[in-house]
C-alpha atoms as a PDB file:
ATOM      1  CA  MET A   1     -14.878   2.479 -17.974  1.00  0.00           C
ATOM      2  CA  PHE A   2     -11.088   2.423 -18.200  1.00  0.00           C
ATOM      3  CA  ALA A   3     -10.483   0.598 -21.461  1.00  0.00           C
ATOM      4  CA  SER A   4     -10.928   3.601 -23.733  1.00  0.00           C
ATOM      5  CA  HIS A   5      -8.284   5.519 -21.825  1.00  0.00           C
ATOM      6  CA  VAL A   6      -5.549   2.893 -21.621  1.00  0.00           C
ATOM      7  CA  ARG A   7      -3.468   1.857 -24.597  1.00  0.00           C
ATOM      8  CA  TYR A   8      -2.054  -1.646 -24.569  1.00  0.00           C
ATOM      9  CA  TYR A   9       1.434  -2.387 -25.839  1.00  0.00           C
ATOM     10  CA  PRO A  10       2.059  -6.148 -25.963  1.00  0.00           C
ATOM     11  CA  SER A  11       5.083  -7.365 -24.093  1.00  0.00           C
ATOM     12  CA  PRO A  12       7.922  -8.419 -26.416  1.00  0.00           C
ATOM     13  CA  LEU A  13       8.418 -11.465 -24.208  1.00  0.00           C
ATOM     14  CA  GLY A  14       5.143 -12.935 -25.445  1.00  0.00           C
ATOM     15  CA  GLY A  15       3.196 -16.034 -24.447  1.00  0.00           C
ATOM     16  CA  ALA A  16       3.986 -18.078 -21.364  1.00  0.00           C
ATOM     17  CA  GLU A  17       7.242 -16.257 -20.724  1.00  0.00           C
ATOM     18  CA  SER A  18       5.367 -12.973 -20.548  1.00  0.00           C
ATOM     19  CA  GLU A  19       2.872 -14.454 -18.093  1.00  0.00           C
ATOM     20  CA  ALA A  20       5.692 -15.772 -15.926  1.00  0.00           C
ATOM     21  CA  ALA A  21       7.353 -12.361 -15.874  1.00  0.00           C
ATOM     22  CA  ARG A  22       4.230 -10.409 -14.994  1.00  0.00           C
ATOM     23  CA  VAL A  23       4.519  -8.506 -11.746  1.00  0.00           C
ATOM     24  CA  LYS A  24       2.220  -9.691  -8.991  1.00  0.00           C
ATOM     25  CA  PRO A  25       0.550  -7.636  -6.242  1.00  0.00           C
ATOM     26  CA  PHE A  26       2.843  -6.355  -3.471  1.00  0.00           C
ATOM     27  CA  GLU A  27       5.979  -6.900  -5.570  1.00  0.00           C
ATOM     28  CA  GLY A  28       6.023  -3.305  -6.757  1.00  0.00           C
ATOM     29  CA  ASN A  29       6.801  -1.890 -10.171  1.00  0.00           C
ATOM     30  CA  THR A  30       3.226  -2.408 -11.395  1.00  0.00           C
ATOM     31  CA  GLY A  31       2.277   1.222 -11.849  1.00  0.00           C
ATOM     32  CA  LEU A  32       3.698   4.696 -11.952  1.00  0.00           C
ATOM     33  CA  ALA A  33       2.065   8.025 -11.166  1.00  0.00           C
ATOM     34  CA  ALA A  34       3.669  11.293 -12.154  1.00  0.00           C
ATOM     35  CA  ARG A  35       2.149  14.735 -11.792  1.00  0.00           C
ATOM     36  CA  ASP A  36       0.162  14.529 -15.030  1.00  0.00           C
ATOM     37  CA  VAL A  37       0.392  10.911 -16.139  1.00  0.00           C
ATOM     38  CA  VAL A  38      -0.450   7.441 -14.903  1.00  0.00           C
ATOM     39  CA  MET A  39       1.109   4.306 -16.386  1.00  0.00           C
ATOM     40  CA  LEU A  40       0.486   0.628 -15.854  1.00  0.00           C
ATOM     41  CA  SER A  41       3.184  -1.883 -16.439  1.00  0.00           C
ATOM     42  CA  GLU A  42       4.319  -5.372 -16.720  1.00  0.00           C
ATOM     43  CA  ARG A  43       7.799  -6.078 -15.512  1.00  0.00           C
ATOM     44  CA  ILE A  44       9.541  -3.863 -18.031  1.00  0.00           C
ATOM     45  CA  TRP A  45       7.083  -0.964 -18.191  1.00  0.00           C
ATOM     46  CA  PHE A  46       4.784  -2.208 -20.917  1.00  0.00           C
ATOM     47  CA  ALA A  47       1.172  -1.185 -20.388  1.00  0.00           C
ATOM     48  CA  ALA A  48      -1.241  -3.828 -19.148  1.00  0.00           C
ATOM     49  CA  PRO A  49      -4.772  -4.136 -20.546  1.00  0.00           C
ATOM     50  CA  ILE A  50      -7.764  -3.278 -18.375  1.00  0.00           C
ATOM     51  CA  GLY A  51     -10.552  -5.037 -20.263  1.00  0.00           C
ATOM     52  CA  ALA A  52     -13.976  -5.372 -18.685  1.00  0.00           C
ATOM     53  CA  ASP A  53     -12.885  -6.895 -15.369  1.00  0.00           C
ATOM     54  CA  PHE A  54     -12.643  -4.031 -12.914  1.00  0.00           C
ATOM     55  CA  THR A  55     -11.448  -6.419 -10.197  1.00  0.00           C
ATOM     56  CA  SER A  56      -8.313  -7.293 -12.179  1.00  0.00           C
ATOM     57  CA  THR A  57      -4.866  -6.281 -11.007  1.00  0.00           C
ATOM     58  CA  PRO A  58      -4.418  -3.705 -13.819  1.00  0.00           C
ATOM     59  CA  ALA A  59      -7.729  -2.045 -12.894  1.00  0.00           C
ATOM     60  CA  VAL A  60      -6.823  -1.871  -9.209  1.00  0.00           C
ATOM     61  CA  VAL A  61      -3.341  -0.561  -9.991  1.00  0.00           C
ATOM     62  CA  LEU A  62      -4.877   2.158 -12.142  1.00  0.00           C
ATOM     63  CA  VAL A  63      -7.125   3.209  -9.251  1.00  0.00           C
ATOM     64  CA  ASP A  64      -4.101   3.237  -6.952  1.00  0.00           C
ATOM     65  CA  GLU A  65      -2.033   5.417  -9.259  1.00  0.00           C
ATOM     66  CA  ILE A  66      -4.893   7.847  -9.891  1.00  0.00           C
ATOM     67  CA  ALA A  67      -5.198   8.178  -6.101  1.00  0.00           C
ATOM     68  CA  HIS A  68      -1.576   9.281  -6.007  1.00  0.00           C
ATOM     69  CA  GLN A  69      -2.464  12.265  -8.169  1.00  0.00           C
ATOM     70  CA  TRP A  70      -4.317  13.496  -5.077  1.00  0.00           C
ATOM     71  CA  ASN A  71      -2.546  12.048  -2.081  1.00  0.00           C
ATOM     72  CA  PHE A  72       1.018  12.744  -3.129  1.00  0.00           C
ATOM     73  CA  TYR A  73       1.018  15.510  -5.718  1.00  0.00           C
ATOM     74  CA  ARG A  74      -1.967  17.519  -4.491  1.00  0.00           C
ATOM     75  CA  VAL A  75      -1.428  17.424  -0.741  1.00  0.00           C
ATOM     76  CA  GLU A  76       2.129  16.055  -0.543  1.00  0.00           C
ATOM     77  CA  LEU A  77       1.575  13.267   1.927  1.00  0.00           C
ATOM     78  CA  PRO A  78       4.778  11.559   3.091  1.00  0.00           C
ATOM     79  CA  ASN A  79       5.210   8.191   1.443  1.00  0.00           C
ATOM     80  CA  PHE A  80       4.059   6.065   4.367  1.00  0.00           C
ATOM     81  CA  LEU A  81       0.764   7.991   4.436  1.00  0.00           C
ATOM     82  CA  ALA A  82       0.394   8.320   0.662  1.00  0.00           C
ATOM     83  CA  GLU A  83       0.748   4.593   0.064  1.00  0.00           C
ATOM     84  CA  GLY A  84      -1.672   3.730   2.845  1.00  0.00           C
ATOM     85  CA  VAL A  85      -4.229   6.145   1.412  1.00  0.00           C
ATOM     86  CA  SER A  86      -3.784   4.744  -2.093  1.00  0.00           C
ATOM     87  CA  GLU A  87      -4.055   1.167  -0.849  1.00  0.00           C
ATOM     88  CA  TYR A  88      -7.251   2.048   1.003  1.00  0.00           C
ATOM     89  CA  THR A  89      -8.552   3.772  -2.110  1.00  0.00           C
ATOM     90  CA  ASP A  90      -8.087   0.420  -3.858  1.00  0.00           C
ATOM     91  CA  ALA A  91     -10.165  -1.169  -1.096  1.00  0.00           C
ATOM     92  CA  LEU A  92     -12.869   1.475  -1.506  1.00  0.00           C
ATOM     93  CA  PHE A  93     -12.942   0.686  -5.206  1.00  0.00           C
ATOM     94  CA  ALA A  94     -13.352  -2.999  -4.328  1.00  0.00           C
ATOM     95  CA  GLU A  95     -16.253  -2.002  -2.075  1.00  0.00           C
ATOM     96  CA  HIS A  96     -17.829  -0.005  -4.903  1.00  0.00           C
ATOM     97  CA  ILE A  97     -17.596  -2.977  -7.273  1.00  0.00           C
ATOM     98  CA  GLY A  98     -18.221  -5.883  -4.902  1.00  0.00           C
ATOM     99  CA  GLY A  99     -19.832  -4.427  -1.796  1.00  0.00           C
ATOM    100  CA  LEU A 100     -18.798  -4.337   1.838  1.00  0.00           C
ATOM    101  CA  GLN A 101     -17.800  -8.001   1.822  1.00  0.00           C
ATOM    102  CA  ALA A 102     -15.206  -7.296  -0.881  1.00  0.00           C
ATOM    103  CA  LEU A 103     -13.790  -4.456   1.199  1.00  0.00           C
ATOM    104  CA  GLU A 104     -13.612  -6.495   4.393  1.00  0.00           C
ATOM    105  CA  SER A 105     -11.998  -9.392   2.509  1.00  0.00           C
ATOM    106  CA  ARG A 106      -9.322  -7.100   1.103  1.00  0.00           C
ATOM    107  CA  ILE A 107      -8.486  -5.620   4.502  1.00  0.00           C
ATOM    108  CA  ALA A 108      -8.378  -9.103   6.042  1.00  0.00           C
ATOM    109  CA  GLU A 109      -5.881 -10.100   3.356  1.00  0.00           C
ATOM    110  CA  HIS A 110      -3.794  -7.036   4.177  1.00  0.00           C
ATOM    111  CA  ARG A 111      -3.675  -7.967   7.846  1.00  0.00           C
ATOM    112  CA  THR A 112      -2.708 -11.554   7.052  1.00  0.00           C
ATOM    113  CA  GLU A 113       0.001 -10.425   4.644  1.00  0.00           C
ATOM    114  CA  TYR A 114       1.367  -7.917   7.159  1.00  0.00           C
ATOM    115  CA  LEU A 115       1.713 -10.607   9.822  1.00  0.00           C
ATOM    116  CA  ARG A 116       3.314 -12.953   7.311  1.00  0.00           C
ATOM    117  CA  SER A 117       5.838 -10.277   6.345  1.00  0.00           C
ATOM    118  CA  VAL A 118       6.741  -9.627   9.973  1.00  0.00           C
ATOM    119  CA  GLU A 119       7.150 -13.358  10.521  1.00  0.00           C
ATOM    120  CA  ILE A 120       9.532 -13.611   7.547  1.00  0.00           C
ATOM    121  CA  MET A 121      11.541 -10.677   8.831  1.00  0.00           C
ATOM    122  CA  SER A 122      11.740 -12.124  12.335  1.00  0.00           C
ATOM    123  CA  ARG A 123      13.171 -15.369  10.938  1.00  0.00           C
ATOM    124  CA  LEU A 124      15.525 -13.638   8.521  1.00  0.00           C
ATOM    125  CA  ARG A 125      16.962 -11.047  10.889  1.00  0.00           C
ATOM    126  CA  PRO A 126      19.001 -13.250  13.278  1.00  0.00           C
ATOM    127  CA  LEU A 127      20.489 -15.225  10.395  1.00  0.00           C
ATOM    128  CA  LYS A 128      21.563 -12.096   8.570  1.00  0.00           C
ATOM    129  CA  VAL A 129      22.989 -10.561  11.752  1.00  0.00           C
ATOM    130  CA  ALA A 130      24.913 -13.789  12.362  1.00  0.00           C
ATOM    131  CA  GLY A 131      26.491 -13.501   8.917  1.00  0.00           C
ATOM    132  CA  VAL A 132      24.844 -16.542   7.351  1.00  0.00           C
ATOM    133  CA  PRO A 133      25.232 -16.303   3.542  1.00  0.00           C
ATOM    134  CA  ARG A 134      22.087 -15.285   1.701  1.00  0.00           C
ATOM    135  CA  ALA A 135      21.984 -18.471  -0.392  1.00  0.00           C
ATOM    136  CA  GLU A 136      22.092 -20.545   2.788  1.00  0.00           C
ATOM    137  CA  ILE A 137      19.323 -18.464   4.331  1.00  0.00           C
ATOM    138  CA  VAL A 138      17.132 -19.138   1.295  1.00  0.00           C
ATOM    139  CA  LYS A 139      17.544 -22.866   1.912  1.00  0.00           C
ATOM    140  CA  ARG A 140      17.049 -22.734   5.667  1.00  0.00           C
ATOM    141  CA  LEU A 141      13.923 -20.612   5.526  1.00  0.00           C
ATOM    142  CA  GLU A 142      12.555 -22.362   2.438  1.00  0.00           C
ATOM    143  CA  LEU A 143      11.907 -19.053   0.710  1.00  0.00           C
ATOM    144  CA  THR A 144      12.662 -17.952  -2.817  1.00  0.00           C
ATOM    145  CA  ALA A 145      15.778 -15.935  -3.534  1.00  0.00           C
ATOM    146  CA  ALA A 146      13.541 -13.077  -4.734  1.00  0.00           C
ATOM    147  CA  VAL A 147      11.658 -12.912  -1.418  1.00  0.00           C
ATOM    148  CA  VAL A 148      14.861 -12.906   0.626  1.00  0.00           C
ATOM    149  CA  ALA A 149      16.342 -10.226  -1.633  1.00  0.00           C
ATOM    150  CA  ALA A 150      13.274  -8.012  -1.133  1.00  0.00           C
ATOM    151  CA  TYR A 151      13.483  -8.191   2.662  1.00  0.00           C
ATOM    152  CA  TRP A 152      17.272  -8.155   2.886  1.00  0.00           C
ATOM    153  CA  PRO A 153      17.900  -4.363   3.135  1.00  0.00           C
ATOM    154  CA  TYR A 154      15.322  -4.047   5.931  1.00  0.00           C
ATOM    155  CA  ALA A 155      16.069  -7.172   7.945  1.00  0.00           C
ATOM    156  CA  ASP A 156      18.532  -5.479  10.322  1.00  0.00           C
ATOM    157  CA  ALA A 157      15.867  -3.069  11.579  1.00  0.00           C
ATOM    158  CA  GLY A 158      13.155  -5.714  11.777  1.00  0.00           C
ATOM    159  CA  GLU A 159       9.597  -4.568  12.423  1.00  0.00           C
ATOM    160  CA  VAL A 160       9.504  -0.840  13.103  1.00  0.00           C
ATOM    161  CA  PRO A 161       6.623   1.680  13.097  1.00  0.00           C
ATOM    162  CA  ILE A 162       5.363   2.385   9.592  1.00  0.00           C
ATOM    163  CA  SER A 163       6.358   6.040   9.994  1.00  0.00           C
ATOM    164  CA  ASP A 164       9.985   4.999  10.603  1.00  0.00           C
ATOM    165  CA  PRO A 165      12.191   5.567   7.529  1.00  0.00           C
ATOM    166  CA  ARG A 166      13.786   2.144   8.062  1.00  0.00           C
ATOM    167  CA  VAL A 167      10.474   0.341   7.532  1.00  0.00           C
ATOM    168  CA  PHE A 168      10.088  -2.327   4.863  1.00  0.00           C
ATOM    169  CA  PRO A 169       7.802  -0.448   2.408  1.00  0.00           C
ATOM    170  CA  LYS A 170       5.367  -3.309   2.020  1.00  0.00           C
ATOM    171  CA  LEU A 171       4.408  -2.872   5.672  1.00  0.00           C
ATOM    172  CA  TYR A 172       3.163   0.687   5.309  1.00  0.00           C
ATOM    173  CA  PHE A 173       1.068  -0.235   2.287  1.00  0.00           C
ATOM    174  CA  LEU A 174      -0.686  -2.937   4.285  1.00  0.00           C
ATOM    175  CA  LYS A 175      -0.857  -1.423   7.763  1.00  0.00           C
ATOM    176  CA  GLY A 176      -1.641   2.037   6.382  1.00  0.00           C
ATOM    177  CA  ALA A 177      -4.752   0.745   4.618  1.00  0.00           C
ATOM    178  CA  ALA A 178      -5.803  -1.303   7.652  1.00  0.00           C
ATOM    179  CA  ALA A 179      -5.356   1.786   9.852  1.00  0.00           C
ATOM    180  CA  LEU A 180      -7.727   3.840   7.730  1.00  0.00           C
ATOM    181  CA  HIS A 181     -10.329   1.102   7.721  1.00  0.00           C
ATOM    182  CA  SER A 182     -10.066   0.789  11.498  1.00  0.00           C
ATOM    183  CA  LEU A 183     -10.445   4.572  11.776  1.00  0.00           C
ATOM    184  CA  ARG A 184     -13.547   4.409   9.569  1.00  0.00           C
ATOM    185  CA  ARG A 185     -15.089   1.784  11.832  1.00  0.00           C
ATOM    186  CA  LEU A 186     -14.223   3.859  14.904  1.00  0.00           C
ATOM    187  CA  LEU A 187     -15.703   7.123  13.590  1.00  0.00           C
ATOM    188  CA  GLY A 188     -18.485   5.862  11.356  1.00  0.00           C
ATOM    189  CA  ASP A 189     -18.760   6.415   7.627  1.00  0.00           C
ATOM    190  CA  SER A 190     -20.063   9.985   7.624  1.00  0.00           C
ATOM    191  CA  THR A 191     -17.466  11.387  10.024  1.00  0.00           C
ATOM    192  CA  PHE A 192     -14.620   9.379   8.525  1.00  0.00           C
ATOM    193  CA  PHE A 193     -15.281  10.546   4.981  1.00  0.00           C
ATOM    194  CA  ASP A 194     -15.751  14.133   6.148  1.00  0.00           C
ATOM    195  CA  GLY A 195     -12.271  13.964   7.633  1.00  0.00           C
ATOM    196  CA  PHE A 196     -10.868  12.106   4.652  1.00  0.00           C
ATOM    197  CA  ARG A 197     -12.137  14.731   2.222  1.00  0.00           C
ATOM    198  CA  SER A 198     -10.914  17.569   4.403  1.00  0.00           C
ATOM    199  CA  VAL A 199      -7.344  16.256   4.167  1.00  0.00           C
ATOM    200  CA  PHE A 200      -7.412  17.234   0.508  1.00  0.00           C
ATOM    201  CA  ALA A 201      -9.612  20.316   0.788  1.00  0.00           C
ATOM    202  CA  ALA A 202      -7.877  21.940   3.752  1.00  0.00           C
ATOM    203  CA  THR A 203      -4.238  21.171   3.014  1.00  0.00           C
ATOM    204  CA  ALA A 204      -3.926  21.281  -0.780  1.00  0.00           C
ATOM    205  CA  GLY A 205      -0.983  23.376  -1.903  1.00  0.00           C
ATOM    206  CA  SER A 206       0.237  23.958   1.648  1.00  0.00           C
ATOM    207  CA  GLY A 207       3.337  21.787   1.569  1.00  0.00           C
ATOM    208  CA  GLU A 208       3.886  18.361   3.085  1.00  0.00           C
ATOM    209  CA  VAL A 209       1.048  17.145   5.260  1.00  0.00           C
ATOM    210  CA  THR A 210       2.599  15.724   8.412  1.00  0.00           C
ATOM    211  CA  LEU A 211       1.033  12.919  10.412  1.00  0.00           C
ATOM    212  CA  ASP A 212      -0.164  15.510  12.943  1.00  0.00           C
ATOM    213  CA  ARG A 213      -1.904  17.539  10.242  1.00  0.00           C
ATOM    214  CA  PHE A 214      -3.383  14.376   8.782  1.00  0.00           C
ATOM    215  CA  ARG A 215      -4.730  13.410  12.215  1.00  0.00           C
ATOM    216  CA  ALA A 216      -6.079  16.932  12.784  1.00  0.00           C
ATOM    217  CA  SER A 217      -8.411  16.612   9.789  1.00  0.00           C
ATOM    218  CA  PHE A 218     -10.141  13.633  11.389  1.00  0.00           C
ATOM    219  CA  GLU A 219     -10.131  15.216  14.834  1.00  0.00           C
ATOM    220  CA  ALA A 220     -11.839  18.314  13.454  1.00  0.00           C
ATOM    221  CA  ALA A 221     -14.479  16.173  11.757  1.00  0.00           C
ATOM    222  CA  SER A 222     -15.114  14.031  14.826  1.00  0.00           C
ATOM    223  CA  GLY A 223     -14.620  16.543  17.618  1.00  0.00           C
ATOM    224  CA  ARG A 224     -12.466  14.089  19.562  1.00  0.00           C
ATOM    225  CA  SER A 225      -8.821  13.368  20.224  1.00  0.00           C
ATOM    226  CA  LEU A 226      -7.368  10.600  18.088  1.00  0.00           C
ATOM    227  CA  GLU A 227      -3.856  10.768  19.516  1.00  0.00           C
ATOM    228  CA  ASP A 228      -3.968   7.268  21.021  1.00  0.00           C
ATOM    229  CA  PHE A 229      -5.318   5.758  17.811  1.00  0.00           C
ATOM    230  CA  PHE A 230      -2.685   7.365  15.608  1.00  0.00           C
ATOM    231  CA  ARG A 231       0.125   6.509  18.021  1.00  0.00           C
ATOM    232  CA  ALA A 232      -0.857   2.838  18.020  1.00  0.00           C
ATOM    233  CA  TRP A 233      -1.158   2.569  14.254  1.00  0.00           C
ATOM    234  CA  TYR A 234       1.600   4.863  13.015  1.00  0.00           C
ATOM    235  CA  LEU A 235       4.130   5.308  15.824  1.00  0.00           C
ATOM    236  CA  GLU A 236       4.256   1.827  17.368  1.00  0.00           C
ATOM    237  CA  ILE A 237       4.944  -1.639  16.044  1.00  0.00           C
ATOM    238  CA  GLY A 238       2.335  -4.342  15.842  1.00  0.00           C
ATOM    239  CA  LEU A 239      -1.076  -4.607  14.265  1.00  0.00           C
ATOM    240  CA  PRO A 240      -3.860  -3.334  16.549  1.00  0.00           C
ATOM    241  CA  GLU A 241      -7.195  -5.129  16.581  1.00  0.00           C
END
């Protein structure tokens, strides 16, 4: 499906060192979407092979970056919405390949990872505010230096709504996808996908799609107010049930 369209350039690191350097999910820098091009990468922007396993990380990253051709460049969603849409598109691809169980498993993993990230931030924040050196924090929290470095710029703010510009980006990937799945369960498949499609059909080329305009697409499809739902998921902290 994908293999004929993706060229593989072997990493110059080679062998075990290349495997050790490969970027893992949620660490970023695994794919890049521009207006007319999608690239997959290893750590230093070398393309990753797709092969025949459509559940592999490269395959999922490719789906994610193709989604950005629509949800960022076509309708200009703000980043916190665009990444949630792309992450949920990955989950829909998992559903297509592995069925509903694969989708539910992926969303459950997102929820678990979100809560874990908030827990790390809640432990890191008071130590950073108190001026404890980063190396000491790594030891106290028994985390890797790379994990602490990733959270460090966002630790002062702590957990904030995913629409807040101070948010740790990982949180809007995870919570954004979970929000869309929760909305799908609330509205039912037919209504949800009618609203989802209308985001792209009704707002393409009209400038940035705000959260209110995004919500309006689903309200028009469902004929009901979704203000409380969107406030809980996008404008408040926490992870609703």
